[in-house]
Amino acid sequence: MSTEAPLFTSVGLSSAPEESRPILQKVHAMFKFIPNLYGAFANSPALLEGYTALEAAFEKTQLSPVERQLVLLAASVENACPYCTAAHSTVLKHFLRTSPEVVAAVRSGSPVSDYKLNALVNLTQEFVSARGHVGPPTIDSFLAAGYRREQVLEVLIGVALKTISNYTDHLSPNELDQAFAAER
């Protein structure tokens, strides 16, 4: 990592561009703090608005909260984003009470013991690693595990979210928030 100053510093309610402040207020209400990555997004009101809108759309998918977080974790691991990997590991383990073994498997690239979740993680990983060129066997496994065809596209929403956040953190690494530090 460079010793130069970050390209984008994490801004708060008082230092964010005016257009970002209402969205940051909603983020603060949701998390009870403003995660540093959202503070980095806030440097561009358009990015912050787009990210949170896409995030809201992802919440409306047919994937369960655990499945959504596994998509976000798997994409973050595949994109080598330590900030997002820690954040999603925290949500999965501490808020959604997901088995630590499932989280560890995704983080290490090992198979997940649950067949259905493993198919979801594999699809996500291939979306990222193959830049969207997912092979028929991966999609067939996903569908055979009990997911529906339209859910392939719903996974893509999560991959798009993580592309934005992972790449933002790559451009300008953020200090890991204390809330996520245990999952570093």
C-alpha atoms as a PDB file:
ATOM      1  CA  MET A   1       0.000   0.000   0.000  1.00  0.00           C
ATOM      2  CA  SER A   2       1.219   3.506  -0.800  1.00  0.00           C
ATOM      3  CA  THR A   3       2.263   5.834   1.993  1.00  0.00           C
ATOM      4  CA  GLU A   4       0.611   8.718   0.174  1.00  0.00           C
ATOM      5  CA  ALA A   5      -2.620  10.217   1.444  1.00  0.00           C
ATOM      6  CA  PRO A   6      -5.764   8.364   0.347  1.00  0.00           C
ATOM      7  CA  LEU A   7      -7.324   9.548  -2.885  1.00  0.00           C
ATOM      8  CA  PHE A   8     -10.670  10.016  -1.098  1.00  0.00           C
ATOM      9  CA  THR A   9     -10.932  10.616   2.612  1.00  0.00           C
ATOM     10  CA  SER A  10     -13.974   9.404   4.477  1.00  0.00           C
ATOM     11  CA  VAL A  11     -16.211  12.400   5.086  1.00  0.00           C
ATOM     12  CA  GLY A  12     -18.846  12.820   7.768  1.00  0.00           C
ATOM     13  CA  LEU A  13     -22.099  14.704   8.013  1.00  0.00           C
ATOM     14  CA  SER A  14     -20.450  18.076   8.534  1.00  0.00           C
ATOM     15  CA  SER A  15     -17.717  17.667   5.899  1.00  0.00           C
ATOM     16  CA  ALA A  16     -19.627  15.854   3.149  1.00  0.00           C
ATOM     17  CA  PRO A  17     -20.901  17.633   0.061  1.00  0.00           C
ATOM     18  CA  GLU A  18     -24.360  19.054   0.729  1.00  0.00           C
ATOM     19  CA  GLU A  19     -26.037  16.588  -1.670  1.00  0.00           C
ATOM     20  CA  SER A  20     -24.554  13.620   0.238  1.00  0.00           C
ATOM     21  CA  ARG A  21     -25.706  14.693   3.696  1.00  0.00           C
ATOM     22  CA  PRO A  22     -29.327  13.441   3.578  1.00  0.00           C
ATOM     23  CA  ILE A  23     -28.152  10.026   2.426  1.00  0.00           C
ATOM     24  CA  LEU A  24     -25.419   9.921   5.073  1.00  0.00           C
ATOM     25  CA  GLN A  25     -28.062  10.719   7.690  1.00  0.00           C
ATOM     26  CA  LYS A  26     -29.989   7.615   6.573  1.00  0.00           C
ATOM     27  CA  VAL A  27     -26.786   5.549   6.648  1.00  0.00           C
ATOM     28  CA  HIS A  28     -26.076   6.798  10.165  1.00  0.00           C
ATOM     29  CA  ALA A  29     -29.604   5.881  11.268  1.00  0.00           C
ATOM     30  CA  MET A  30     -29.194   2.376   9.848  1.00  0.00           C
ATOM     31  CA  PHE A  31     -25.723   1.581  11.238  1.00  0.00           C
ATOM     32  CA  LYS A  32     -25.667   3.990  14.221  1.00  0.00           C
ATOM     33  CA  PHE A  33     -22.440   5.349  12.692  1.00  0.00           C
ATOM     34  CA  ILE A  34     -21.168   6.174   9.211  1.00  0.00           C
ATOM     35  CA  PRO A  35     -18.919   3.373   7.988  1.00  0.00           C
ATOM     36  CA  ASN A  36     -15.723   4.763   6.482  1.00  0.00           C
ATOM     37  CA  LEU A  37     -16.497   3.298   3.067  1.00  0.00           C
ATOM     38  CA  TYR A  38     -19.818   5.169   2.895  1.00  0.00           C
ATOM     39  CA  GLY A  39     -17.888   8.274   3.930  1.00  0.00           C
ATOM     40  CA  ALA A  40     -15.606   7.690   0.940  1.00  0.00           C
ATOM     41  CA  PHE A  41     -18.620   7.219  -1.357  1.00  0.00           C
ATOM     42  CA  ALA A  42     -19.995  10.540  -0.098  1.00  0.00           C
ATOM     43  CA  ASN A  43     -17.202  12.431  -1.877  1.00  0.00           C
ATOM     44  CA  SER A  44     -19.350  11.853  -4.956  1.00  0.00           C
ATOM     45  CA  PRO A  45     -23.034  12.445  -4.217  1.00  0.00           C
ATOM     46  CA  ALA A  46     -23.876  10.550  -7.424  1.00  0.00           C
ATOM     47  CA  LEU A  47     -21.897   7.488  -6.333  1.00  0.00           C
ATOM     48  CA  LEU A  48     -23.415   7.517  -2.848  1.00  0.00           C
ATOM     49  CA  GLU A  49     -26.923   7.869  -4.274  1.00  0.00           C
ATOM     50  CA  GLY A  50     -26.352   5.175  -6.884  1.00  0.00           C
ATOM     51  CA  TYR A  51     -24.835   2.746  -4.406  1.00  0.00           C
ATOM     52  CA  THR A  52     -27.591   3.145  -1.845  1.00  0.00           C
ATOM     53  CA  ALA A  53     -30.288   2.855  -4.550  1.00  0.00           C
ATOM     54  CA  LEU A  54     -28.729  -0.362  -5.852  1.00  0.00           C
ATOM     55  CA  GLU A  55     -28.415  -1.583  -2.272  1.00  0.00           C
ATOM     56  CA  ALA A  56     -32.146  -0.928  -1.751  1.00  0.00           C
ATOM     57  CA  ALA A  57     -32.939  -2.868  -4.933  1.00  0.00           C
ATOM     58  CA  PHE A  58     -30.803  -5.789  -3.728  1.00  0.00           C
ATOM     59  CA  GLU A  59     -32.813  -5.858  -0.495  1.00  0.00           C
ATOM     60  CA  LYS A  60     -35.960  -6.473  -2.586  1.00  0.00           C
ATOM     61  CA  THR A  61     -34.626  -9.631  -4.249  1.00  0.00           C
ATOM     62  CA  GLN A  62     -35.915 -13.094  -3.495  1.00  0.00           C
ATOM     63  CA  LEU A  63     -32.632 -13.965  -1.772  1.00  0.00           C
ATOM     64  CA  SER A  64     -32.753 -14.211   2.010  1.00  0.00           C
ATOM     65  CA  PRO A  65     -30.701 -11.798   4.162  1.00  0.00           C
ATOM     66  CA  VAL A  66     -28.085 -14.528   4.737  1.00  0.00           C
ATOM     67  CA  GLU A  67     -27.939 -15.343   1.023  1.00  0.00           C
ATOM     68  CA  ARG A  68     -27.534 -11.662   0.132  1.00  0.00           C
ATOM     69  CA  GLN A  69     -24.710 -11.256   2.619  1.00  0.00           C
ATOM     70  CA  LEU A  70     -23.012 -14.405   1.321  1.00  0.00           C
ATOM     71  CA  VAL A  71     -23.109 -12.961  -2.198  1.00  0.00           C
ATOM     72  CA  LEU A  72     -21.542  -9.739  -0.897  1.00  0.00           C
ATOM     73  CA  LEU A  73     -18.913 -11.639   1.091  1.00  0.00           C
ATOM     74  CA  ALA A  74     -18.017 -14.006  -1.759  1.00  0.00           C
ATOM     75  CA  ALA A  75     -17.630 -11.129  -4.217  1.00  0.00           C
ATOM     76  CA  SER A  76     -15.518  -9.169  -1.707  1.00  0.00           C
ATOM     77  CA  VAL A  77     -13.229 -12.149  -1.127  1.00  0.00           C
ATOM     78  CA  GLU A  78     -12.914 -12.741  -4.871  1.00  0.00           C
ATOM     79  CA  ASN A  79     -12.115  -9.040  -5.390  1.00  0.00           C
ATOM     80  CA  ALA A  80      -9.585  -9.111  -2.507  1.00  0.00           C
ATOM     81  CA  CYS A  81     -11.236  -6.318  -0.527  1.00  0.00           C
ATOM     82  CA  PRO A  82     -10.285  -6.661   3.154  1.00  0.00           C
ATOM     83  CA  TYR A  83     -12.608  -3.851   4.292  1.00  0.00           C
ATOM     84  CA  CYS A  84     -15.744  -5.375   2.745  1.00  0.00           C
ATOM     85  CA  THR A  85     -14.709  -8.919   3.678  1.00  0.00           C
ATOM     86  CA  ALA A  86     -14.532  -7.880   7.341  1.00  0.00           C
ATOM     87  CA  ALA A  87     -17.789  -5.906   7.170  1.00  0.00           C
ATOM     88  CA  HIS A  88     -19.833  -8.723   5.616  1.00  0.00           C
ATOM     89  CA  SER A  89     -18.257 -11.343   7.886  1.00  0.00           C
ATOM     90  CA  THR A  90     -19.365  -9.214  10.833  1.00  0.00           C
ATOM     91  CA  VAL A  91     -22.938  -8.918   9.569  1.00  0.00           C
ATOM     92  CA  LEU A  92     -23.167 -12.638   8.829  1.00  0.00           C
ATOM     93  CA  LYS A  93     -21.729 -13.842  12.138  1.00  0.00           C
ATOM     94  CA  HIS A  94     -22.916 -11.246  14.615  1.00  0.00           C
ATOM     95  CA  PHE A  95     -26.243 -10.035  13.233  1.00  0.00           C
ATOM     96  CA  LEU A  96     -27.529 -12.898  11.086  1.00  0.00           C
ATOM     97  CA  ARG A  97     -26.045 -15.630  13.314  1.00  0.00           C
ATOM     98  CA  THR A  98     -24.562 -17.515  10.375  1.00  0.00           C
ATOM     99  CA  SER A  99     -22.301 -20.411  11.234  1.00  0.00           C
ATOM    100  CA  PRO A 100     -18.658 -19.314  11.610  1.00  0.00           C
ATOM    101  CA  GLU A 101     -17.738 -22.375   9.521  1.00  0.00           C
ATOM    102  CA  VAL A 102     -19.776 -21.088   6.572  1.00  0.00           C
ATOM    103  CA  VAL A 103     -18.131 -17.659   6.801  1.00  0.00           C
ATOM    104  CA  ALA A 104     -14.670 -19.232   7.133  1.00  0.00           C
ATOM    105  CA  ALA A 105     -15.295 -21.448   4.106  1.00  0.00           C
ATOM    106  CA  VAL A 106     -16.260 -18.484   1.925  1.00  0.00           C
ATOM    107  CA  ARG A 107     -13.273 -16.479   3.160  1.00  0.00           C
ATOM    108  CA  SER A 108     -10.845 -19.329   2.469  1.00  0.00           C
ATOM    109  CA  GLY A 109     -12.347 -20.334  -0.879  1.00  0.00           C
ATOM    110  CA  SER A 110     -13.354 -23.740   0.473  1.00  0.00           C
ATOM    111  CA  PRO A 111     -16.668 -25.417  -0.307  1.00  0.00           C
ATOM    112  CA  VAL A 112     -19.582 -24.435   1.926  1.00  0.00           C
ATOM    113  CA  SER A 113     -21.095 -27.504   3.613  1.00  0.00           C
ATOM    114  CA  ASP A 114     -24.661 -26.478   2.723  1.00  0.00           C
ATOM    115  CA  TYR A 115     -25.285 -27.556  -0.895  1.00  0.00           C
ATOM    116  CA  LYS A 116     -27.625 -24.690  -1.748  1.00  0.00           C
ATOM    117  CA  LEU A 117     -25.423 -21.988  -0.224  1.00  0.00           C
ATOM    118  CA  ASN A 118     -22.378 -23.521  -1.898  1.00  0.00           C
ATOM    119  CA  ALA A 119     -24.083 -23.206  -5.298  1.00  0.00           C
ATOM    120  CA  LEU A 120     -24.829 -19.544  -4.523  1.00  0.00           C
ATOM    121  CA  VAL A 121     -21.249 -18.828  -3.481  1.00  0.00           C
ATOM    122  CA  ASN A 122     -19.865 -20.647  -6.541  1.00  0.00           C
ATOM    123  CA  LEU A 123     -22.090 -18.625  -8.876  1.00  0.00           C
ATOM    124  CA  THR A 124     -20.986 -15.384  -7.215  1.00  0.00           C
ATOM    125  CA  GLN A 125     -17.307 -16.292  -7.366  1.00  0.00           C
ATOM    126  CA  GLU A 126     -17.544 -17.218 -11.040  1.00  0.00           C
ATOM    127  CA  PHE A 127     -19.424 -14.012 -11.876  1.00  0.00           C
ATOM    128  CA  VAL A 128     -16.489 -12.067 -10.439  1.00  0.00           C
ATOM    129  CA  SER A 129     -13.542 -14.216 -11.535  1.00  0.00           C
ATOM    130  CA  ALA A 130     -14.851 -14.798 -15.074  1.00  0.00           C
ATOM    131  CA  ARG A 131     -16.064 -11.197 -15.471  1.00  0.00           C
ATOM    132  CA  GLY A 132     -19.631 -12.305 -16.038  1.00  0.00           C
ATOM    133  CA  HIS A 133     -18.835 -15.232 -18.323  1.00  0.00           C
ATOM    134  CA  VAL A 134     -20.467 -17.830 -16.084  1.00  0.00           C
ATOM    135  CA  GLY A 135     -20.400 -21.360 -17.494  1.00  0.00           C
ATOM    136  CA  PRO A 136     -23.521 -23.475 -17.944  1.00  0.00           C
ATOM    137  CA  PRO A 137     -22.406 -26.047 -15.310  1.00  0.00           C
ATOM    138  CA  THR A 138     -22.315 -23.338 -12.626  1.00  0.00           C
ATOM    139  CA  ILE A 139     -25.743 -22.035 -13.578  1.00  0.00           C
ATOM    140  CA  ASP A 140     -27.118 -25.588 -13.791  1.00  0.00           C
ATOM    141  CA  SER A 141     -25.797 -26.309 -10.273  1.00  0.00           C
ATOM    142  CA  PHE A 142     -27.355 -23.086  -8.993  1.00  0.00           C
ATOM    143  CA  LEU A 143     -30.743 -24.000 -10.466  1.00  0.00           C
ATOM    144  CA  ALA A 144     -30.477 -27.628  -9.322  1.00  0.00           C
ATOM    145  CA  ALA A 145     -29.849 -26.382  -5.769  1.00  0.00           C
ATOM    146  CA  GLY A 146     -33.343 -24.877  -5.753  1.00  0.00           C
ATOM    147  CA  TYR A 147     -32.821 -21.335  -6.994  1.00  0.00           C
ATOM    148  CA  ARG A 148     -34.906 -19.876  -9.798  1.00  0.00           C
ATOM    149  CA  ARG A 149     -33.626 -18.539 -13.090  1.00  0.00           C
ATOM    150  CA  GLU A 150     -34.327 -14.864 -12.227  1.00  0.00           C
ATOM    151  CA  GLN A 151     -32.219 -15.234  -9.102  1.00  0.00           C
ATOM    152  CA  VAL A 152     -29.129 -15.480 -11.319  1.00  0.00           C
ATOM    153  CA  LEU A 153     -29.793 -11.832 -12.172  1.00  0.00           C
ATOM    154  CA  GLU A 154     -30.416 -11.008  -8.517  1.00  0.00           C
ATOM    155  CA  VAL A 155     -26.946 -12.331  -7.663  1.00  0.00           C
ATOM    156  CA  LEU A 156     -25.640 -10.001 -10.354  1.00  0.00           C
ATOM    157  CA  ILE A 157     -27.054  -7.025  -8.423  1.00  0.00           C
ATOM    158  CA  GLY A 158     -24.931  -8.036  -5.429  1.00  0.00           C
ATOM    159  CA  VAL A 159     -21.863  -8.434  -7.626  1.00  0.00           C
ATOM    160  CA  ALA A 160     -22.479  -4.943  -9.033  1.00  0.00           C
ATOM    161  CA  LEU A 161     -22.730  -3.542  -5.494  1.00  0.00           C
ATOM    162  CA  LYS A 162     -19.450  -5.131  -4.528  1.00  0.00           C
ATOM    163  CA  THR A 163     -17.750  -3.996  -7.716  1.00  0.00           C
ATOM    164  CA  ILE A 164     -18.544  -0.421  -6.693  1.00  0.00           C
ATOM    165  CA  SER A 165     -17.533  -0.775  -3.056  1.00  0.00           C
ATOM    166  CA  ASN A 166     -14.546  -3.073  -3.560  1.00  0.00           C
ATOM    167  CA  TYR A 167     -13.118  -0.911  -6.320  1.00  0.00           C
ATOM    168  CA  THR A 168     -13.694   2.262  -4.301  1.00  0.00           C
ATOM    169  CA  ASP A 169     -11.712   0.698  -1.464  1.00  0.00           C
ATOM    170  CA  HIS A 170      -8.995  -0.376  -3.925  1.00  0.00           C
ATOM    171  CA  LEU A 171      -8.725   3.205  -5.218  1.00  0.00           C
ATOM    172  CA  SER A 172      -8.578   4.632  -1.732  1.00  0.00           C
ATOM    173  CA  PRO A 173      -8.215   2.086   1.085  1.00  0.00           C
ATOM    174  CA  ASN A 174     -10.347   2.924   4.089  1.00  0.00           C
ATOM    175  CA  GLU A 175      -9.452   2.432   7.703  1.00  0.00           C
ATOM    176  CA  LEU A 176     -11.456  -0.501   9.000  1.00  0.00           C
ATOM    177  CA  ASP A 177     -14.198   0.678  11.338  1.00  0.00           C
ATOM    178  CA  GLN A 178     -14.010  -0.554  14.926  1.00  0.00           C
ATOM    179  CA  ALA A 179     -17.362  -2.309  14.433  1.00  0.00           C
ATOM    180  CA  PHE A 180     -15.745  -4.638  11.865  1.00  0.00           C
ATOM    181  CA  ALA A 181     -12.256  -4.956  13.393  1.00  0.00           C
ATOM    182  CA  ALA A 182     -12.831  -8.383  14.981  1.00  0.00           C
ATOM    183  CA  GLU A 183     -13.269  -9.853  11.486  1.00  0.00           C
ATOM    184  CA  ARG A 184     -10.101  -8.308  10.032  1.00  0.00           C
END
